[in-house]
Amino acid sequence: MSDKTIIPFPSQEADITDLANVQKPDKQYCRHARVILVESSRVIECRDCGSLVEPFDWALRWSDKNSREVQQVKQMRKERKSLLESIEKLRREEQNTKARLKRARTSLKAVNFTEQEVIHSREWLKQFREGEV
């Protein structure tokens, strides 16, 4: 074997980025989110970095963003409709529950009244048997 075919494994002290041969740009990537439409020269400039923006690419990105926002609005409207239906269902259930509670209270009053009549009748019958009435 010759030494030309052997690649030495870097030691812990060696800088691995030197071996990767990666070059990072010094400047941050600009998304050109804020633009100026220059009417006189009919160009689009980025407000942040000042570079010229390709009009078709900007229009396409704007259109995609607008389409996503339209889909989000549609989804929110659908969710709103579902929530309103749920609220209406809960209101109906509340009214039904209140009506059942009112009927139960009325029935309970009738049962209490009937129990009182039975107690009163027993007392009257007892007094009658004893000859007090």
N, C-alpha and C. Protein backbone atom coordinates (compact mmCIF):
# COMPACT_ATOMS: atom_id res chain seq x y z
N MET A 1 0.84 -1.18 0.00
CA MET A 1 0.00 0.00 0.00
C MET A 1 0.88 1.24 0.00
N SER A 2 0.38 2.22 -0.72
CA SER A 2 1.14 3.47 -0.74
C SER A 2 0.48 4.48 0.17
N ASP A 3 1.22 5.47 0.59
CA ASP A 3 0.70 6.50 1.50
C ASP A 3 -0.29 7.42 0.81
N LYS A 4 -0.34 7.44 -0.51
CA LYS A 4 -1.26 8.31 -1.24
C LYS A 4 -2.71 7.84 -1.13
N THR A 5 -2.95 6.57 -0.95
CA THR A 5 -4.30 6.04 -0.87
C THR A 5 -4.85 6.06 0.54
N ILE A 6 -4.02 6.31 1.51
CA ILE A 6 -4.46 6.32 2.89
C ILE A 6 -4.80 7.75 3.30
N ILE A 7 -6.01 7.93 3.79
CA ILE A 7 -6.45 9.24 4.27
C ILE A 7 -6.36 9.21 5.78
N PRO A 8 -5.58 10.09 6.37
CA PRO A 8 -5.44 10.04 7.82
C PRO A 8 -6.71 10.50 8.52
N PHE A 9 -7.05 9.80 9.59
CA PHE A 9 -8.21 10.18 10.42
C PHE A 9 -7.79 11.39 11.26
N PRO A 10 -8.63 12.45 11.28
CA PRO A 10 -8.20 13.64 12.01
C PRO A 10 -8.15 13.38 13.51
N SER A 11 -7.21 13.97 14.16
CA SER A 11 -7.11 13.84 15.60
C SER A 11 -8.15 14.74 16.26
N GLN A 12 -8.35 14.60 17.54
CA GLN A 12 -9.35 15.39 18.24
C GLN A 12 -9.01 16.87 18.21
N GLU A 13 -7.76 17.20 18.14
CA GLU A 13 -7.36 18.61 18.14
C GLU A 13 -7.58 19.26 16.77
N ALA A 14 -7.64 18.47 15.72
CA ALA A 14 -7.76 19.04 14.37
C ALA A 14 -9.16 19.61 14.17
N ASP A 15 -9.22 20.66 13.40
CA ASP A 15 -10.51 21.31 13.11
C ASP A 15 -11.18 20.56 11.96
N ILE A 16 -12.32 19.97 12.24
CA ILE A 16 -13.01 19.14 11.24
C ILE A 16 -13.59 20.01 10.13
N THR A 17 -13.94 21.24 10.40
CA THR A 17 -14.52 22.10 9.36
C THR A 17 -13.53 22.37 8.25
N ASP A 18 -12.24 22.33 8.55
CA ASP A 18 -11.25 22.50 7.49
C ASP A 18 -11.30 21.35 6.51
N LEU A 19 -11.57 20.14 6.99
CA LEU A 19 -11.62 18.97 6.13
C LEU A 19 -12.91 18.90 5.33
N ALA A 20 -14.00 19.50 5.84
CA ALA A 20 -15.29 19.43 5.16
C ALA A 20 -15.33 20.31 3.93
N ASN A 21 -14.47 21.30 3.87
CA ASN A 21 -14.39 22.20 2.73
C ASN A 21 -15.71 22.92 2.49
N VAL A 22 -16.33 23.40 3.57
CA VAL A 22 -17.60 24.11 3.50
C VAL A 22 -17.33 25.59 3.65
N GLN A 23 -17.92 26.35 2.76
CA GLN A 23 -17.78 27.80 2.85
C GLN A 23 -19.12 28.40 3.21
N LYS A 24 -19.15 29.18 4.27
CA LYS A 24 -20.38 29.83 4.71
C LYS A 24 -20.31 31.28 4.30
N PRO A 25 -21.41 31.80 3.75
CA PRO A 25 -21.40 33.22 3.39
C PRO A 25 -21.42 34.08 4.65
N ASP A 26 -20.78 35.22 4.55
CA ASP A 26 -20.75 36.14 5.68
C ASP A 26 -22.10 36.84 5.87
N LYS A 27 -22.81 37.03 4.79
CA LYS A 27 -24.06 37.77 4.81
C LYS A 27 -25.24 36.83 5.08
N GLN A 28 -26.20 37.29 5.87
CA GLN A 28 -27.42 36.52 6.13
C GLN A 28 -28.28 36.48 4.86
N TYR A 29 -29.06 35.43 4.70
CA TYR A 29 -29.96 35.31 3.57
C TYR A 29 -31.15 36.24 3.76
N CYS A 30 -31.49 37.00 2.76
CA CYS A 30 -32.63 37.92 2.83
C CYS A 30 -33.81 37.30 2.09
N ARG A 31 -34.95 37.28 2.72
CA ARG A 31 -36.16 36.71 2.11
C ARG A 31 -36.90 37.74 1.27
N HIS A 32 -36.47 38.96 1.31
CA HIS A 32 -37.11 40.07 0.58
C HIS A 32 -38.60 40.15 0.92
N ALA A 33 -38.88 40.12 2.20
CA ALA A 33 -40.27 40.13 2.66
C ALA A 33 -40.89 41.52 2.52
N ARG A 34 -40.06 42.55 2.66
CA ARG A 34 -40.56 43.93 2.52
C ARG A 34 -39.93 44.54 1.29
N VAL A 35 -40.78 44.94 0.36
CA VAL A 35 -40.27 45.46 -0.91
C VAL A 35 -40.83 46.85 -1.19
N ILE A 36 -40.14 47.51 -2.10
CA ILE A 36 -40.58 48.82 -2.61
C ILE A 36 -40.78 48.67 -4.11
N LEU A 37 -41.94 49.08 -4.59
CA LEU A 37 -42.19 49.08 -6.03
C LEU A 37 -41.77 50.45 -6.57
N VAL A 38 -40.71 50.47 -7.34
CA VAL A 38 -40.21 51.72 -7.90
C VAL A 38 -40.88 51.91 -9.24
N GLU A 39 -41.84 52.84 -9.27
CA GLU A 39 -42.66 53.02 -10.46
C GLU A 39 -41.87 53.62 -11.62
N SER A 40 -40.96 54.54 -11.32
CA SER A 40 -40.22 55.21 -12.40
C SER A 40 -39.32 54.24 -13.17
N SER A 41 -38.65 53.35 -12.47
CA SER A 41 -37.76 52.41 -13.16
C SER A 41 -38.39 51.03 -13.33
N ARG A 42 -39.62 50.87 -12.83
CA ARG A 42 -40.39 49.64 -12.96
C ARG A 42 -39.63 48.42 -12.44
N VAL A 43 -39.07 48.57 -11.24
CA VAL A 43 -38.35 47.47 -10.59
C VAL A 43 -38.89 47.29 -9.17
N ILE A 44 -38.53 46.17 -8.59
CA ILE A 44 -38.89 45.89 -7.21
C ILE A 44 -37.59 45.81 -6.42
N GLU A 45 -37.48 46.62 -5.36
CA GLU A 45 -36.30 46.62 -4.51
C GLU A 45 -36.67 46.11 -3.13
N CYS A 46 -35.73 45.42 -2.52
CA CYS A 46 -35.92 44.95 -1.15
C CYS A 46 -35.65 46.10 -0.19
N ARG A 47 -36.55 46.32 0.75
CA ARG A 47 -36.34 47.39 1.74
C ARG A 47 -35.23 47.05 2.71
N ASP A 48 -35.02 45.76 2.96
CA ASP A 48 -34.05 45.34 3.97
C ASP A 48 -32.62 45.34 3.43
N CYS A 49 -32.42 44.70 2.28
CA CYS A 49 -31.04 44.57 1.77
C CYS A 49 -30.76 45.49 0.58
N GLY A 50 -31.78 46.06 -0.03
CA GLY A 50 -31.59 47.00 -1.12
C GLY A 50 -31.36 46.35 -2.48
N SER A 51 -31.38 45.04 -2.57
CA SER A 51 -31.14 44.39 -3.86
C SER A 51 -32.41 44.38 -4.70
N LEU A 52 -32.22 44.19 -6.00
CA LEU A 52 -33.36 44.09 -6.91
C LEU A 52 -33.97 42.70 -6.78
N VAL A 53 -35.28 42.68 -6.81
CA VAL A 53 -36.02 41.42 -6.66
C VAL A 53 -36.63 41.09 -8.00
N GLU A 54 -36.55 39.81 -8.37
CA GLU A 54 -37.15 39.35 -9.62
C GLU A 54 -38.67 39.49 -9.50
N PRO A 55 -39.30 40.28 -10.39
CA PRO A 55 -40.75 40.54 -10.26
C PRO A 55 -41.62 39.29 -10.30
N PHE A 56 -41.32 38.36 -11.21
CA PHE A 56 -42.14 37.15 -11.30
C PHE A 56 -42.03 36.33 -10.03
N ASP A 57 -40.81 36.16 -9.52
CA ASP A 57 -40.62 35.38 -8.29
C ASP A 57 -41.36 36.03 -7.12
N TRP A 58 -41.28 37.35 -7.04
CA TRP A 58 -41.98 38.06 -5.95
C TRP A 58 -43.49 37.89 -6.09
N ALA A 59 -44.01 38.04 -7.33
CA ALA A 59 -45.45 37.89 -7.55
C ALA A 59 -45.91 36.47 -7.25
N LEU A 60 -45.10 35.49 -7.62
CA LEU A 60 -45.44 34.10 -7.35
C LEU A 60 -45.46 33.83 -5.84
N ARG A 61 -44.47 34.33 -5.13
CA ARG A 61 -44.42 34.16 -3.68
C ARG A 61 -45.61 34.86 -3.02
N TRP A 62 -45.95 36.06 -3.48
CA TRP A 62 -47.09 36.81 -2.95
C TRP A 62 -48.38 36.04 -3.21
N SER A 63 -48.51 35.48 -4.41
CA SER A 63 -49.70 34.71 -4.77
C SER A 63 -49.83 33.46 -3.89
N ASP A 64 -48.72 32.77 -3.68
CA ASP A 64 -48.74 31.57 -2.82
C ASP A 64 -49.16 31.94 -1.40
N LYS A 65 -48.59 33.03 -0.90
CA LYS A 65 -48.94 33.48 0.45
C LYS A 65 -50.42 33.83 0.53
N ASN A 66 -50.91 34.52 -0.50
CA ASN A 66 -52.32 34.91 -0.53
C ASN A 66 -53.21 33.66 -0.58
N SER A 67 -52.82 32.67 -1.36
CA SER A 67 -53.61 31.43 -1.45
C SER A 67 -53.65 30.71 -0.11
N ARG A 68 -52.52 30.66 0.59
CA ARG A 68 -52.50 30.03 1.92
C ARG A 68 -53.41 30.77 2.88
N GLU A 69 -53.39 32.11 2.81
CA GLU A 69 -54.23 32.89 3.71
C GLU A 69 -55.71 32.67 3.40
N VAL A 70 -56.05 32.56 2.11
CA VAL A 70 -57.44 32.29 1.74
C VAL A 70 -57.87 30.93 2.28
N GLN A 71 -57.00 29.92 2.19
CA GLN A 71 -57.32 28.59 2.72
C GLN A 71 -57.49 28.63 4.24
N GLN A 72 -56.65 29.44 4.90
CA GLN A 72 -56.77 29.57 6.35
C GLN A 72 -58.10 30.22 6.73
N VAL A 73 -58.50 31.23 5.97
CA VAL A 73 -59.79 31.88 6.24
C VAL A 73 -60.93 30.90 6.04
N LYS A 74 -60.87 30.10 4.98
CA LYS A 74 -61.91 29.09 4.74
C LYS A 74 -61.96 28.09 5.90
N GLN A 75 -60.79 27.65 6.35
CA GLN A 75 -60.73 26.70 7.45
C GLN A 75 -61.30 27.32 8.73
N MET A 76 -60.96 28.58 8.98
CA MET A 76 -61.47 29.26 10.18
C MET A 76 -62.98 29.42 10.12
N ARG A 77 -63.51 29.73 8.94
CA ARG A 77 -64.97 29.86 8.80
C ARG A 77 -65.65 28.52 9.05
N LYS A 78 -65.04 27.45 8.54
CA LYS A 78 -65.60 26.12 8.75
C LYS A 78 -65.57 25.77 10.25
N GLU A 79 -64.47 26.08 10.90
CA GLU A 79 -64.36 25.82 12.34
C GLU A 79 -65.35 26.68 13.12
N ARG A 80 -65.52 27.94 12.70
CA ARG A 80 -66.48 28.84 13.36
C ARG A 80 -67.90 28.27 13.25
N LYS A 81 -68.25 27.80 12.05
CA LYS A 81 -69.58 27.22 11.85
C LYS A 81 -69.79 26.01 12.75
N SER A 82 -68.77 25.18 12.84
CA SER A 82 -68.86 24.00 13.70
C SER A 82 -69.02 24.40 15.17
N LEU A 83 -68.27 25.42 15.59
CA LEU A 83 -68.37 25.88 16.98
C LEU A 83 -69.74 26.49 17.27
N LEU A 84 -70.28 27.25 16.32
CA LEU A 84 -71.62 27.82 16.51
C LEU A 84 -72.68 26.73 16.61
N GLU A 85 -72.53 25.68 15.80
CA GLU A 85 -73.47 24.55 15.89
C GLU A 85 -73.36 23.86 17.25
N SER A 86 -72.14 23.74 17.74
CA SER A 86 -71.95 23.13 19.06
C SER A 86 -72.57 23.98 20.16
N ILE A 87 -72.42 25.29 20.03
CA ILE A 87 -73.02 26.20 21.02
C ILE A 87 -74.54 26.08 21.00
N GLU A 88 -75.11 26.03 19.80
CA GLU A 88 -76.57 25.90 19.70
C GLU A 88 -77.05 24.58 20.29
N LYS A 89 -76.28 23.52 20.06
CA LYS A 89 -76.64 22.22 20.63
C LYS A 89 -76.59 22.28 22.15
N LEU A 90 -75.58 22.92 22.70
CA LEU A 90 -75.47 23.05 24.15
C LEU A 90 -76.61 23.89 24.72
N ARG A 91 -77.03 24.93 23.99
CA ARG A 91 -78.17 25.75 24.45
C ARG A 91 -79.44 24.91 24.51
N ARG A 92 -79.68 24.09 23.48
CA ARG A 92 -80.86 23.22 23.48
C ARG A 92 -80.80 22.22 24.64
N GLU A 93 -79.61 21.66 24.86
CA GLU A 93 -79.47 20.72 25.97
C GLU A 93 -79.72 21.42 27.31
N GLU A 94 -79.27 22.66 27.44
CA GLU A 94 -79.50 23.41 28.67
C GLU A 94 -80.99 23.64 28.89
N GLN A 95 -81.71 24.03 27.82
CA GLN A 95 -83.15 24.25 27.94
C GLN A 95 -83.87 22.95 28.31
N ASN A 96 -83.47 21.86 27.68
CA ASN A 96 -84.09 20.57 27.98
C ASN A 96 -83.81 20.16 29.42
N THR A 97 -82.60 20.40 29.88
CA THR A 97 -82.25 20.06 31.26
C THR A 97 -83.04 20.89 32.25
N LYS A 98 -83.19 22.17 31.96
CA LYS A 98 -83.99 23.04 32.84
C LYS A 98 -85.44 22.57 32.89
N ALA A 99 -85.98 22.17 31.73
CA ALA A 99 -87.37 21.68 31.69
C ALA A 99 -87.50 20.38 32.49
N ARG A 100 -86.54 19.46 32.34
CA ARG A 100 -86.60 18.21 33.11
C ARG A 100 -86.49 18.48 34.60
N LEU A 101 -85.65 19.42 34.97
CA LEU A 101 -85.49 19.78 36.38
C LEU A 101 -86.79 20.37 36.94
N LYS A 102 -87.44 21.20 36.15
CA LYS A 102 -88.71 21.80 36.58
C LYS A 102 -89.77 20.71 36.76
N ARG A 103 -89.83 19.76 35.81
CA ARG A 103 -90.79 18.65 35.93
C ARG A 103 -90.48 17.79 37.15
N ALA A 104 -89.20 17.57 37.40
CA ALA A 104 -88.82 16.76 38.56
C ALA A 104 -89.21 17.45 39.86
N ARG A 105 -89.03 18.76 39.91
CA ARG A 105 -89.42 19.50 41.12
C ARG A 105 -90.93 19.44 41.32
N THR A 106 -91.68 19.58 40.24
CA THR A 106 -93.14 19.50 40.33
C THR A 106 -93.56 18.11 40.80
N SER A 107 -92.93 17.08 40.25
CA SER A 107 -93.25 15.71 40.67
C SER A 107 -92.88 15.50 42.14
N LEU A 108 -91.77 16.06 42.57
CA LEU A 108 -91.34 15.93 43.96
C LEU A 108 -92.33 16.62 44.88
N LYS A 109 -92.83 17.79 44.47
CA LYS A 109 -93.84 18.49 45.28
C LYS A 109 -95.10 17.65 45.38
N ALA A 110 -95.48 17.01 44.28
CA ALA A 110 -96.68 16.17 44.28
C ALA A 110 -96.46 14.98 45.19
N VAL A 111 -95.28 14.39 45.16
CA VAL A 111 -94.99 13.24 46.03
C VAL A 111 -95.00 13.68 47.48
N ASN A 112 -94.38 14.81 47.78
CA ASN A 112 -94.39 15.32 49.16
C ASN A 112 -95.82 15.61 49.61
N PHE A 113 -96.62 16.20 48.72
CA PHE A 113 -98.01 16.50 49.06
C PHE A 113 -98.76 15.20 49.34
N THR A 114 -98.54 14.19 48.53
CA THR A 114 -99.20 12.90 48.71
C THR A 114 -98.75 12.26 50.02
N GLU A 115 -97.47 12.33 50.35
CA GLU A 115 -96.98 11.79 51.61
C GLU A 115 -97.60 12.52 52.79
N GLN A 116 -97.75 13.83 52.67
CA GLN A 116 -98.38 14.61 53.74
C GLN A 116 -99.84 14.22 53.89
N GLU A 117 -100.52 13.97 52.78
CA GLU A 117 -101.92 13.53 52.85
C GLU A 117 -102.02 12.17 53.56
N VAL A 118 -101.08 11.27 53.26
CA VAL A 118 -101.09 9.95 53.89
C VAL A 118 -100.87 10.09 55.39
N ILE A 119 -99.90 10.92 55.77
CA ILE A 119 -99.61 11.13 57.20
C ILE A 119 -100.83 11.75 57.89
N HIS A 120 -101.42 12.76 57.25
CA HIS A 120 -102.59 13.42 57.82
C HIS A 120 -103.76 12.43 57.93
N SER A 121 -103.92 11.59 56.89
CA SER A 121 -105.01 10.61 56.92
C SER A 121 -104.79 9.58 58.03
N ARG A 122 -103.57 9.15 58.24
CA ARG A 122 -103.28 8.19 59.32
C ARG A 122 -103.57 8.81 60.68
N GLU A 123 -103.15 10.07 60.83
CA GLU A 123 -103.41 10.73 62.11
C GLU A 123 -104.92 10.88 62.34
N TRP A 124 -105.65 11.23 61.30
CA TRP A 124 -107.10 11.39 61.43
C TRP A 124 -107.75 10.06 61.75
N LEU A 125 -107.28 8.98 61.07
CA LEU A 125 -107.83 7.65 61.31
C LEU A 125 -107.54 7.20 62.74
N LYS A 126 -106.34 7.50 63.23
CA LYS A 126 -105.96 7.14 64.60
C LYS A 126 -106.85 7.88 65.59
N GLN A 127 -107.07 9.17 65.34
CA GLN A 127 -107.92 9.96 66.22
C GLN A 127 -109.36 9.46 66.16
N PHE A 128 -109.79 9.05 64.98
CA PHE A 128 -111.15 8.56 64.81
C PHE A 128 -111.35 7.28 65.60
N ARG A 129 -110.37 6.38 65.55
CA ARG A 129 -110.47 5.11 66.26
C ARG A 129 -110.48 5.33 67.78
N GLU A 130 -109.74 6.34 68.17
CA GLU A 130 -109.69 6.63 69.61
C GLU A 130 -110.93 7.39 70.06
N GLY A 131 -111.73 7.82 69.11
CA GLY A 131 -112.97 8.49 69.42
C GLY A 131 -112.81 9.97 69.68
N GLU A 132 -111.70 10.51 69.28
CA GLU A 132 -111.48 11.94 69.50
C GLU A 132 -112.17 12.78 68.44
N VAL A 133 -112.50 12.20 67.34
CA VAL A 133 -113.12 12.98 66.28
C VAL A 133 -114.61 12.80 66.27
